[in-house]
Amino acid sequence: MTRSSPTDFVKAGKKINMQPRNFMAIWAVTSQGANICRKIARQFPGAHIYLGDKVKDPPPEAALFQSLQQAVEEKFGRYRSHVFVMAAGIAVRIIAPHVTSKLSDPAVLVADDSGNFVISLLSGHMGGANTLAHQLSRVLGATPVITTATDNARVPAIDQTARHRNLFMENPQAVKQVSMAFLAKKQVDRFDPGGWLDKEAGAWTNTLAEPLFTRHPGIMVHHDMTPVPEHILVLRPRNLYVGIGCNSATSFEEILEVLHTAFDKNRLSIQSINLLATIREKTGEPGLLQLSKHLQRPLIGITRHILDLVPDVPNPSLMVQRHMGVKSVCEAAAIMAADKGTLMVPKIKSGNVTVAVASCT
């Protein structure tokens, strides 16, 4: 088969993060702290500096505030990370009203205004504050202060690993049991046929050939919706690619219903969808664009030439051939989007919609 060129695939809609947050906000209330802010910002493009309006000779790129409390209240949810160059106690009191969940809180770090220490204060794993503390420390020549138990014991931090591997945590409450087992050097079972955690957790886990868990803490990394005990941490890999065909002006609701039918019937997790794919001519369909936004997954369009490179689709359509010039849309789109992956769900047709699902390990 001929490899496709970048121009054969067209993205529509928005990227996976539909409501992107700015990278970093750096805060200071003293002139010495402002110098630290500038040093950090020079090494982290996209970082924004916020300084108290009493700081003398603030740099032109800085935004000034009168009230730190009010400024943080306005900006807290707009950034993926916050660095407070000030006393830790001030930072704690300022962010306290805005802390909600380890799954969504931004990373929060504190640096003293002499640049001696960088403390990972909040969202060390999921928000990436621990990693950022090490990076900032190298920039400032400071000592990183990390207090999370798994990091200091040098055992896998499974929530951080899941974040790095782009694995969706279905039941984050189970992280604690897995982490406690790692710390106690107790058995942790792992069903992970795709080997997503082999590098990070291979030496710390007992590999299962089937998802047959016992009372031991465990991890399942798979797209299958087969129920497992509630103490088992379920991680969903983004390894499913959905091909969709539809008639013009098909509603979002109809497309979504057929998608859910396909996934429910085959016991697949919606969270394992990596992207949506269709023929290039359909990427402007409002129903598909709304589906992309709803699922927070990108929609790509694939040219007829590339779709026809799939030699033997299980369910070719004369109707599609006549109207679109290709023998298959949904099955071929799913296979090609998955980089010639395995077709897991052949074409399901209902009303104005066809859906197929392919996987790529």
Protein backbone atom coordinates (compact mmCIF):
# COMPACT_ATOMS: atom_id res chain seq x y z
CA MET A 1 0.00 0.00 0.00
CA THR A 2 1.08 3.56 -0.64
CA ARG A 3 1.72 5.58 2.49
CA SER A 4 -0.58 8.55 2.82
CA SER A 5 0.79 12.06 2.81
CA PRO A 6 -0.10 14.68 5.46
CA THR A 7 -2.35 16.45 2.97
CA ASP A 8 -4.53 13.35 2.67
CA PHE A 9 -5.83 13.87 6.22
CA VAL A 10 -7.73 17.02 7.17
CA LYS A 11 -8.64 17.94 10.74
CA ALA A 12 -11.97 19.51 11.45
CA GLY A 13 -13.39 20.93 14.65
CA LYS A 14 -11.00 21.47 17.53
CA LYS A 15 -8.23 19.49 19.10
CA ILE A 16 -8.72 17.08 21.98
CA ASN A 17 -8.50 19.81 24.61
CA MET A 18 -11.58 21.80 23.67
CA GLN A 19 -11.12 24.35 26.43
CA PRO A 20 -7.36 24.84 26.58
CA ARG A 21 -5.84 26.56 29.58
CA ASN A 22 -2.78 28.77 29.45
CA PHE A 23 0.46 27.12 30.45
CA MET A 24 1.80 28.99 33.49
CA ALA A 25 1.11 31.99 35.69
CA ILE A 26 3.98 33.31 37.85
CA TRP A 27 3.12 35.50 40.81
CA ALA A 28 5.20 37.81 43.00
CA VAL A 29 4.67 40.76 45.34
CA THR A 30 8.28 41.95 45.79
CA SER A 31 10.92 43.32 43.44
CA GLN A 32 13.22 40.41 44.28
CA GLY A 33 10.40 38.03 43.50
CA ALA A 34 9.82 39.83 40.21
CA ASN A 35 13.42 39.05 39.21
CA ILE A 36 12.78 35.36 39.88
CA CYS A 37 9.61 35.57 37.79
CA ARG A 38 11.52 36.98 34.83
CA LYS A 39 14.18 34.29 35.13
CA ILE A 40 11.52 31.59 35.02
CA ALA A 41 9.56 33.20 32.18
CA ARG A 42 12.67 33.40 29.99
CA GLN A 43 12.95 29.60 30.14
CA PHE A 44 9.24 28.82 29.77
CA PRO A 45 7.74 30.45 26.68
CA GLY A 46 4.07 31.17 27.17
CA ALA A 47 4.39 31.87 30.89
CA HIS A 48 2.61 35.00 32.13
CA ILE A 49 3.97 37.20 34.94
CA TYR A 50 1.63 38.82 37.51
CA LEU A 51 3.09 41.34 39.95
CA GLY A 52 1.74 43.42 42.78
CA ASP A 53 1.34 47.05 41.77
CA LYS A 54 3.76 48.15 44.52
CA VAL A 55 6.68 46.40 42.80
CA LYS A 56 9.22 48.99 41.65
CA ASP A 57 10.20 49.08 37.96
CA PRO A 58 8.09 46.10 36.86
CA PRO A 59 9.07 44.53 33.54
CA PRO A 60 6.90 45.63 30.61
CA GLU A 61 5.62 42.11 29.99
CA ALA A 62 4.14 41.82 33.49
CA ALA A 63 0.48 42.40 34.38
CA LEU A 64 -0.07 44.31 37.63
CA PHE A 65 -2.68 43.63 40.28
CA GLN A 66 -3.86 45.51 43.36
CA SER A 67 -5.26 42.49 45.21
CA LEU A 68 -3.48 39.12 45.00
CA GLN A 69 -6.59 37.39 46.30
CA GLN A 70 -8.86 38.86 43.63
CA ALA A 71 -6.34 38.30 40.85
CA VAL A 72 -5.84 34.63 41.75
CA GLU A 73 -9.59 34.12 42.04
CA GLU A 74 -9.96 35.38 38.47
CA LYS A 75 -7.00 33.49 36.97
CA PHE A 76 -6.78 30.23 38.96
CA GLY A 77 -8.80 28.06 36.56
CA ARG A 78 -7.31 29.64 33.45
CA TYR A 79 -3.84 28.13 33.83
CA ARG A 80 -2.43 24.62 33.95
CA SER A 81 0.16 25.70 36.51
CA HIS A 82 0.79 28.50 39.00
CA VAL A 83 4.15 29.44 40.53
CA PHE A 84 4.00 31.69 43.60
CA VAL A 85 7.29 33.41 44.36
CA MET A 86 6.51 34.19 47.98
CA ALA A 87 5.98 32.53 51.36
CA ALA A 88 4.22 29.16 51.20
CA GLY A 89 1.69 30.26 53.81
CA ILE A 90 0.49 33.12 51.61
CA ALA A 91 0.08 30.79 48.65
CA VAL A 92 -1.86 28.23 50.70
CA ARG A 93 -4.33 30.80 51.98
CA ILE A 94 -4.78 32.34 48.53
CA ILE A 95 -5.50 29.09 46.66
CA ALA A 96 -7.52 27.33 49.41
CA PRO A 97 -10.97 28.55 48.27
CA HIS A 98 -10.31 27.37 44.69
CA VAL A 99 -9.04 23.82 45.29
CA THR A 100 -11.61 21.27 44.12
CA SER A 101 -10.22 17.95 42.86
CA LYS A 102 -6.87 16.29 42.16
CA LEU A 103 -8.26 15.42 38.73
CA SER A 104 -8.76 19.03 37.67
CA ASP A 105 -6.75 21.33 39.94
CA PRO A 106 -3.78 23.03 38.27
CA ALA A 107 -0.25 22.41 39.42
CA VAL A 108 0.74 24.84 42.18
CA LEU A 109 4.33 25.50 43.17
CA VAL A 110 6.02 27.88 45.60
CA ALA A 111 9.49 29.38 45.27
CA ASP A 112 11.07 31.63 47.88
CA ASP A 113 12.05 35.01 46.50
CA SER A 114 15.74 34.21 46.97
CA GLY A 115 15.43 31.25 44.61
CA ASN A 116 16.70 28.65 47.10
CA PHE A 117 13.77 26.21 47.11
CA VAL A 118 10.92 25.16 44.80
CA ILE A 119 8.06 23.36 46.54
CA SER A 120 5.53 21.16 44.76
CA LEU A 121 2.42 22.23 46.67
CA LEU A 122 -0.62 20.92 44.78
CA SER A 123 -1.33 18.36 42.02
CA GLY A 124 2.10 16.83 42.17
CA HIS A 125 1.16 13.90 39.96
CA MET A 126 -1.98 14.61 37.95
CA GLY A 127 -1.17 18.28 37.47
CA GLY A 128 2.54 17.67 36.92
CA ALA A 129 3.76 19.87 39.78
CA ASN A 130 6.48 17.40 40.81
CA THR A 131 7.99 17.32 37.33
CA LEU A 132 7.72 21.09 37.05
CA ALA A 133 9.43 21.53 40.44
CA HIS A 134 12.48 19.70 39.13
CA GLN A 135 12.48 21.79 35.94
CA LEU A 136 12.19 25.08 37.82
CA SER A 137 14.91 24.03 40.24
CA ARG A 138 17.32 23.49 37.40
CA VAL A 139 16.50 26.95 36.03
CA LEU A 140 16.98 28.67 39.39
CA GLY A 141 19.76 26.50 40.79
CA ALA A 142 17.35 25.69 43.62
CA THR A 143 16.50 22.60 45.68
CA PRO A 144 13.23 20.88 44.69
CA VAL A 145 10.96 19.94 47.60
CA ILE A 146 8.78 16.92 46.80
CA THR A 147 6.64 15.40 49.55
CA THR A 148 4.56 12.74 47.74
CA ALA A 149 5.27 9.31 49.23
CA THR A 150 5.66 7.36 46.00
CA ASP A 151 8.28 9.76 44.64
CA ASN A 152 10.35 9.68 47.82
CA ALA A 153 10.09 5.88 48.06
CA ARG A 154 11.01 5.57 44.37
CA VAL A 155 7.98 3.46 43.48
CA PRO A 156 5.69 4.03 40.48
CA ALA A 157 3.28 6.95 40.78
CA ILE A 158 0.45 5.34 38.87
CA ASP A 159 -1.67 8.48 38.52
CA GLN A 160 1.27 10.41 37.08
CA THR A 161 2.10 7.53 34.75
CA ALA A 162 -1.51 7.41 33.55
CA ARG A 163 -1.35 11.11 32.78
CA HIS A 164 1.90 10.77 30.83
CA ARG A 165 0.52 7.82 28.87
CA ASN A 166 -2.77 9.63 28.18
CA LEU A 167 -4.72 6.91 29.96
CA PHE A 168 -8.13 7.92 31.28
CA MET A 169 -8.66 6.99 34.96
CA GLU A 170 -12.18 5.66 35.22
CA ASN A 171 -12.15 5.27 39.01
CA PRO A 172 -9.40 7.47 40.48
CA GLN A 173 -10.41 6.49 44.02
CA ALA A 174 -8.64 3.15 43.38
CA VAL A 175 -5.26 4.88 42.93
CA LYS A 176 -4.73 4.96 46.69
CA GLN A 177 -4.93 1.18 47.09
CA VAL A 178 -2.48 0.59 44.24
CA SER A 179 -0.05 3.19 45.58
CA MET A 180 -0.25 1.78 49.12
CA ALA A 181 0.49 -1.70 47.75
CA PHE A 182 3.52 -0.39 45.87
CA LEU A 183 4.79 1.33 49.01
CA ALA A 184 4.29 -1.85 51.06
CA LYS A 185 5.86 -3.97 48.29
CA LYS A 186 2.70 -6.06 48.08
CA GLN A 187 1.35 -7.85 45.04
CA VAL A 188 -0.44 -5.75 42.41
CA ASP A 189 -2.13 -7.62 39.55
CA ARG A 190 -2.17 -6.04 36.09
CA PHE A 191 -4.20 -6.88 33.02
CA ASP A 192 -2.57 -4.83 30.28
CA PRO A 193 -2.47 -6.76 26.97
CA GLY A 194 -1.28 -3.67 25.10
CA GLY A 195 1.73 -3.30 27.41
CA TRP A 196 0.92 0.33 28.17
CA LEU A 197 2.53 0.17 31.63
CA ASP A 198 5.28 -2.37 30.96
CA LYS A 199 8.10 0.14 31.32
CA GLU A 200 6.86 1.95 34.40
CA ALA A 201 5.13 -0.82 36.34
CA GLY A 202 6.33 -4.08 34.84
CA ALA A 203 8.70 -4.90 37.68
CA TRP A 204 6.11 -3.93 40.29
CA THR A 205 3.14 -5.91 39.03
CA ASN A 206 1.98 -9.45 38.37
CA THR A 207 0.89 -9.71 34.72
CA LEU A 208 -2.47 -11.38 34.07
CA ALA A 209 -3.39 -13.12 30.83
CA GLU A 210 -7.09 -12.51 31.54
CA PRO A 211 -8.86 -9.86 33.65
CA LEU A 212 -9.42 -12.33 36.50
CA PHE A 213 -8.70 -10.22 39.56
CA THR A 214 -8.69 -11.33 43.17
CA ARG A 215 -8.75 -9.39 46.43
CA HIS A 216 -5.30 -7.99 45.66
CA PRO A 217 -5.03 -4.42 44.37
CA GLY A 218 -4.92 -4.40 40.61
CA ILE A 219 -4.80 -2.38 37.41
CA MET A 220 -6.72 -2.98 34.20
CA VAL A 221 -5.55 -1.11 31.10
CA HIS A 222 -8.05 -1.92 28.38
CA HIS A 223 -10.98 -0.63 26.37
CA ASP A 224 -13.24 -3.53 27.38
CA MET A 225 -16.20 -2.67 29.62
CA THR A 226 -16.37 -6.06 31.34
CA PRO A 227 -17.03 -5.31 35.05
CA VAL A 228 -14.14 -5.74 37.49
CA PRO A 229 -14.09 -5.40 41.30
CA GLU A 230 -14.32 -1.78 42.44
CA HIS A 231 -10.86 -1.88 44.06
CA ILE A 232 -9.27 -2.46 40.65
CA LEU A 233 -7.93 0.71 39.01
CA VAL A 234 -9.35 0.94 35.49
CA LEU A 235 -7.31 2.87 32.92
CA ARG A 236 -8.64 3.44 29.41
CA PRO A 237 -6.08 3.69 26.58
CA ARG A 238 -6.91 5.97 23.66
CA ASN A 239 -6.58 3.19 21.09
CA LEU A 240 -9.95 3.14 19.32
CA TYR A 241 -10.61 4.93 16.04
CA VAL A 242 -14.19 5.55 14.96
CA GLY A 243 -15.13 5.72 11.29
CA ILE A 244 -18.44 7.47 10.61
CA GLY A 245 -20.55 7.90 7.51
CA CYS A 246 -23.76 9.92 7.42
CA ASN A 247 -26.24 11.55 5.11
CA SER A 248 -26.24 15.31 4.76
CA ALA A 249 -27.77 17.24 7.67
CA THR A 250 -27.91 14.18 9.95
CA SER A 251 -28.41 15.37 13.51
CA PHE A 252 -25.83 15.13 16.25
CA GLU A 253 -28.34 13.22 18.38
CA GLU A 254 -28.81 10.50 15.76
CA ILE A 255 -25.07 10.08 15.21
CA LEU A 256 -24.42 9.92 18.96
CA GLU A 257 -27.13 7.32 19.47
CA VAL A 258 -25.66 5.01 16.80
CA LEU A 259 -22.18 5.49 18.25
CA HIS A 260 -23.36 4.51 21.73
CA THR A 261 -25.20 1.52 20.30
CA ALA A 262 -22.02 0.31 18.63
CA PHE A 263 -19.95 0.75 21.77
CA ASP A 264 -22.53 -0.70 24.16
CA LYS A 265 -23.14 -3.74 21.97
CA ASN A 266 -19.42 -4.50 21.83
CA ARG A 267 -18.66 -3.55 25.45
CA LEU A 268 -16.24 -0.79 24.47
CA SER A 269 -15.42 2.29 26.51
CA ILE A 270 -16.22 5.65 24.93
CA GLN A 271 -13.21 6.99 26.86
CA SER A 272 -10.92 4.86 24.66
CA ILE A 273 -11.81 6.81 21.51
CA ASN A 274 -8.72 8.48 20.09
CA LEU A 275 -10.33 10.29 17.19
CA LEU A 276 -13.24 10.32 14.73
CA ALA A 277 -12.74 9.87 11.00
CA THR A 278 -14.88 10.30 7.91
CA ILE A 279 -14.50 11.05 4.23
CA ARG A 280 -13.05 14.50 3.59
CA GLU A 281 -16.25 15.80 1.99
CA LYS A 282 -18.18 15.22 5.24
CA THR A 283 -15.92 17.09 7.68
CA GLY A 284 -18.16 20.14 7.55
CA GLU A 285 -21.28 18.26 8.66
CA PRO A 286 -22.71 20.08 11.72
CA GLY A 287 -23.68 16.80 13.38
CA LEU A 288 -20.13 15.45 13.13
CA LEU A 289 -18.60 18.71 14.30
CA GLN A 290 -20.91 18.74 17.32
CA LEU A 291 -20.02 15.11 18.06
CA SER A 292 -16.33 16.03 17.98
CA LYS A 293 -16.94 18.86 20.44
CA HIS A 294 -19.16 16.70 22.67
CA LEU A 295 -16.61 13.88 22.93
CA GLN A 296 -13.64 16.27 22.99
CA ARG A 297 -11.97 14.25 20.25
CA PRO A 298 -10.66 15.54 16.91
CA LEU A 299 -12.47 14.82 13.66
CA ILE A 300 -10.33 14.08 10.61
CA GLY A 301 -11.30 13.83 6.96
CA ILE A 302 -9.66 11.25 4.71
CA THR A 303 -9.49 11.55 0.94
CA ARG A 304 -11.17 9.10 -1.41
CA HIS A 305 -7.78 7.99 -2.68
CA ILE A 306 -6.68 6.91 0.80
CA LEU A 307 -10.00 5.25 1.63
CA ASP A 308 -9.73 3.15 -1.51
CA LEU A 309 -6.32 1.84 -0.40
CA VAL A 310 -8.11 -0.48 2.03
CA PRO A 311 -8.26 -3.63 -0.15
CA ASP A 312 -11.03 -5.73 1.39
CA VAL A 313 -13.56 -3.94 3.56
CA PRO A 314 -16.08 -6.44 4.95
CA ASN A 315 -19.15 -4.43 3.95
CA PRO A 316 -18.68 -2.42 0.75
CA SER A 317 -21.65 -0.38 -0.43
CA LEU A 318 -22.76 0.19 -4.01
CA MET A 319 -24.81 3.17 -2.80
CA VAL A 320 -21.74 4.79 -1.25
CA GLN A 321 -19.73 3.99 -4.37
CA ARG A 322 -22.35 5.71 -6.50
CA HIS A 323 -22.70 8.84 -4.34
CA MET A 324 -19.24 9.30 -2.80
CA GLY A 325 -16.98 7.51 -5.27
CA VAL A 326 -15.61 5.01 -2.73
CA LYS A 327 -16.73 1.52 -1.76
CA SER A 328 -16.57 2.25 1.97
CA VAL A 329 -16.56 5.25 4.28
CA CYS A 330 -16.90 4.17 7.91
CA GLU A 331 -14.92 0.89 7.79
CA ALA A 332 -12.17 2.25 5.55
CA ALA A 333 -11.94 5.49 7.56
CA ALA A 334 -11.63 3.60 10.85
CA ILE A 335 -8.92 1.30 9.48
CA MET A 336 -6.85 4.09 7.93
CA ALA A 337 -7.24 6.40 10.94
CA ALA A 338 -5.85 3.56 13.07
CA ASP A 339 -2.82 3.37 10.74
CA LYS A 340 -4.16 0.26 8.99
CA GLY A 341 -5.26 -1.12 12.33
CA THR A 342 -7.58 -3.99 13.19
CA LEU A 343 -11.29 -3.60 12.48
CA MET A 344 -12.99 -4.44 15.77
CA VAL A 345 -16.55 -3.41 14.98
CA PRO A 346 -17.65 -3.86 11.34
CA LYS A 347 -20.15 -1.42 9.90
CA ILE A 348 -23.26 -0.80 11.96
CA LYS A 349 -25.95 1.00 10.01
CA SER A 350 -28.97 2.70 11.50
CA GLY A 351 -31.07 5.33 9.77
CA ASN A 352 -28.76 7.94 8.28
CA VAL A 353 -25.60 6.80 10.04
CA THR A 354 -22.92 4.14 9.67
CA VAL A 355 -20.27 3.49 12.33
CA ALA A 356 -17.22 1.21 12.47
CA VAL A 357 -14.41 0.93 15.02
CA ALA A 358 -10.77 -0.05 14.53
CA SER A 359 -8.01 -0.42 17.12
CA CYS A 360 -4.35 0.42 17.15
CA THR A 361 -2.33 -0.96 20.08
